[in-house]
N, C-alpha and C. Protein backbone atom coordinates (compact mmCIF):
# COMPACT_ATOMS: atom_id res chain seq x y z
N MET A 1 -2.21 7.89 2.54
CA MET A 1 -3.21 6.51 1.30
C MET A 1 -1.54 6.33 0.56
N HIS A 2 -1.16 4.69 1.05
CA HIS A 2 -0.32 3.91 0.84
C HIS A 2 -1.00 2.49 -0.02
N VAL A 3 0.06 2.83 -1.03
CA VAL A 3 -0.56 1.07 -1.87
C VAL A 3 0.85 1.41 -3.59
N ARG A 4 0.80 0.11 -3.23
CA ARG A 4 1.53 -0.67 -4.02
C ARG A 4 2.04 -0.14 -5.49
N TYR A 5 0.90 -0.96 -6.22
CA TYR A 5 0.73 -0.68 -7.91
C TYR A 5 -0.98 -0.75 -7.87
N MET A 6 -1.67 0.10 -8.34
CA MET A 6 -2.77 0.00 -9.27
C MET A 6 -2.82 -0.74 -10.89
N ASP A 7 -3.73 -1.22 -11.13
CA ASP A 7 -3.82 -1.38 -12.33
C ASP A 7 -4.30 -0.20 -13.18
N THR A 8 -3.19 1.23 -13.49
CA THR A 8 -3.63 1.66 -14.81
C THR A 8 -2.45 2.14 -15.63
N ASP A 9 -2.78 2.61 -17.10
CA ASP A 9 -1.77 2.42 -17.81
C ASP A 9 -0.86 3.42 -17.35
N MET A 10 -0.72 4.08 -16.07
CA MET A 10 1.09 4.26 -16.00
C MET A 10 2.19 3.02 -15.38
N VAL A 11 0.85 1.87 -14.67
CA VAL A 11 2.53 0.87 -14.29
C VAL A 11 1.27 -0.04 -15.47
N ALA A 12 1.11 -0.70 -16.79
CA ALA A 12 0.58 -0.97 -17.34
C ALA A 12 2.22 -2.40 -17.44
N SER A 13 3.15 -1.44 -18.28
CA SER A 13 4.26 -2.46 -18.01
C SER A 13 5.15 -3.13 -17.33
N VAL A 14 4.53 -2.72 -16.13
CA VAL A 14 5.06 -3.12 -14.45
C VAL A 14 4.71 -5.03 -14.53
N ASP A 15 5.36 -5.94 -14.10
CA ASP A 15 5.10 -7.54 -14.07
C ASP A 15 5.23 -7.19 -12.81
N ALA A 16 3.96 -6.92 -12.07
CA ALA A 16 3.99 -7.43 -10.36
C ALA A 16 2.70 -6.78 -9.95
N PRO A 17 1.84 -8.00 -8.59
CA PRO A 17 0.52 -7.78 -8.52
C PRO A 17 0.49 -6.11 -8.44
N LYS A 18 -1.24 -6.36 -9.36
CA LYS A 18 -1.76 -4.70 -8.94
C LYS A 18 -3.64 -4.96 -8.29
N CYS A 19 -3.68 -3.64 -7.89
CA CYS A 19 -4.61 -3.77 -6.85
C CYS A 19 -5.80 -2.58 -8.40
N ASP A 20 -6.89 -3.51 -7.93
CA ASP A 20 -7.67 -3.01 -8.80
C ASP A 20 -8.22 -1.17 -8.00
N PRO A 21 -8.05 -0.89 -9.36
CA PRO A 21 -8.19 0.22 -8.94
C PRO A 21 -9.85 0.84 -8.14
N ALA A 22 -10.60 0.36 -8.66
CA ALA A 22 -12.09 1.17 -8.02
C ALA A 22 -12.34 0.25 -6.21
N VAL A 23 -11.86 -0.74 -6.44
CA VAL A 23 -11.73 -1.63 -5.32
C VAL A 23 -10.91 -0.34 -3.72
N ILE A 24 -9.63 0.00 -4.55
CA ILE A 24 -8.19 0.58 -4.02
C ILE A 24 -9.80 2.53 -3.51
N ALA A 25 -10.02 2.86 -4.62
CA ALA A 25 -11.21 4.13 -4.28
C ALA A 25 -12.15 4.10 -3.51
N ALA A 26 -13.02 2.64 -3.46
CA ALA A 26 -13.84 2.62 -2.80
C ALA A 26 -14.03 2.47 -0.79
N LEU A 27 -12.32 2.15 -0.91
CA LEU A 27 -11.17 1.32 0.22
C LEU A 27 -11.47 2.70 0.98
N SER A 28 -10.46 3.58 -0.32
CA SER A 28 -10.38 5.31 0.53
C SER A 28 -11.50 5.82 0.43
N LEU A 29 -13.10 6.04 -0.16
CA LEU A 29 -13.47 6.75 0.45
C LEU A 29 -14.25 6.67 1.41
N ASP A 30 -14.43 5.23 2.27
CA ASP A 30 -14.88 4.65 3.12
C ASP A 30 -13.36 4.76 4.68
N ALA A 31 -12.83 5.10 3.81
CA ALA A 31 -12.16 4.75 5.30
C ALA A 31 -12.04 6.95 5.48
N LEU A 32 -11.86 7.69 4.13
CA LEU A 32 -11.84 9.36 3.87
C LEU A 32 -13.30 9.01 5.12
N GLU A 33 -14.15 8.67 4.91
CA GLU A 33 -15.59 8.70 5.79
C GLU A 33 -15.34 8.45 7.31
N ASP A 34 -14.78 7.22 7.11
CA ASP A 34 -14.40 7.08 8.65
C ASP A 34 -13.30 7.79 9.69
N GLY A 35 -12.82 8.07 8.57
CA GLY A 35 -12.20 10.00 9.30
C GLY A 35 -10.94 9.09 9.77
N SER A 36 -10.45 7.95 9.38
CA SER A 36 -8.61 7.83 9.20
C SER A 36 -8.02 8.76 8.63
N ILE A 37 -6.62 9.24 8.95
CA ILE A 37 -5.59 9.46 9.08
C ILE A 37 -4.42 8.59 7.80
N GLU A 38 -4.99 8.05 7.99
CA GLU A 38 -3.94 6.96 6.93
C GLU A 38 -4.58 5.60 6.41
N ILE A 39 -4.06 5.24 5.49
CA ILE A 39 -4.95 3.97 4.68
C ILE A 39 -3.95 3.16 3.82
N LEU A 40 -4.12 1.76 3.99
CA LEU A 40 -3.39 1.11 4.33
C LEU A 40 -4.24 0.03 2.92
N ALA A 41 -2.65 0.07 1.84
CA ALA A 41 -4.36 -0.46 0.58
C ALA A 41 -4.54 -1.26 0.41
N ASP A 42 -3.07 -1.84 0.50
CA ASP A 42 -2.62 -3.66 0.32
C ASP A 42 -1.34 -3.90 1.38
N GLU A 43 -1.67 -5.76 0.65
CA GLU A 43 -0.97 -6.14 2.57
C GLU A 43 0.40 -5.51 1.92
N ASN A 44 1.33 -5.05 0.89
CA ASN A 44 3.04 -5.24 0.95
C ASN A 44 2.47 -3.25 1.74
N ALA A 45 2.15 -2.10 1.77
CA ALA A 45 1.60 -1.30 2.36
C ALA A 45 1.45 -1.61 3.71
N ARG A 46 0.77 -2.71 4.11
CA ARG A 46 1.10 -2.93 5.90
C ARG A 46 2.27 -2.97 5.93
N GLN A 47 2.45 -4.63 4.64
CA GLN A 47 4.33 -4.99 5.71
C GLN A 47 5.35 -3.46 6.73
N VAL A 48 5.47 -2.87 4.92
CA VAL A 48 6.02 -1.73 5.51
C VAL A 48 5.72 -0.57 6.39
N GLN A 49 4.24 0.11 6.62
CA GLN A 49 4.55 0.62 7.90
C GLN A 49 5.04 -0.44 9.06
N ALA A 50 4.21 -2.20 8.94
CA ALA A 50 4.74 -2.54 10.05
C ALA A 50 6.29 -2.51 10.16
N ASN A 51 7.03 -2.52 9.44
CA ASN A 51 8.55 -2.80 9.32
C ASN A 51 8.99 -1.05 9.74
N LEU A 52 8.43 -0.63 9.18
CA LEU A 52 9.42 1.17 10.50
C LEU A 52 8.58 0.93 11.11
N ALA A 53 7.90 0.44 12.01
CA ALA A 53 7.98 0.92 13.47
C ALA A 53 9.03 0.42 13.51
N GLY A 54 10.11 -0.88 13.29
CA GLY A 54 11.22 -1.05 13.99
C GLY A 54 12.50 -0.96 13.27
N GLY A 55 11.69 0.85 12.36
CA GLY A 55 13.28 1.85 12.35
C GLY A 55 13.10 1.32 10.40
N VAL A 56 14.09 2.81 9.57
CA VAL A 56 14.18 1.88 8.14
C VAL A 56 15.14 1.25 7.94
N ALA A 57 16.05 0.92 8.86
CA ALA A 57 17.16 0.29 8.36
C ALA A 57 16.30 -1.64 8.05
N ARG A 58 15.43 -1.20 9.39
CA ARG A 58 14.65 -2.54 8.94
C ARG A 58 14.23 -3.61 7.96
N LEU A 59 13.95 -2.31 6.70
CA LEU A 59 12.83 -2.19 5.22
C LEU A 59 14.30 -3.16 4.58
N TYR A 60 14.67 -2.49 5.14
CA TYR A 60 16.02 -3.03 4.07
C TYR A 60 17.72 -4.27 4.64
N SER A 61 17.57 -4.65 5.33
CA SER A 61 17.55 -5.59 6.24
C SER A 61 17.37 -7.46 5.81
N THR A 62 18.73 -7.32 5.65
CA THR A 62 18.30 -9.05 5.29
C THR A 62 18.12 -10.12 5.78
N ALA A 63 18.99 -9.94 6.85
CA ALA A 63 18.61 -10.77 8.10
C ALA A 63 17.76 -10.84 8.68
N ASN A 64 16.82 -11.94 9.07
CA ASN A 64 15.43 -12.24 9.58
C ASN A 64 15.33 -11.85 11.46
């Protein structure tokens, strides 16, 4: 499971977009039922996973 922030007490002070925990829970259960081995729960997680294909250095590069 990869997710950036879920709207929980733990990140209440974080000023960033947050996912609804109920949506993440439903998505997770569906993915587990389907046999998924990796769950990319939000756009940020999908972008990080896609960038990892280019190597970790790509995640920190300021060049496009």
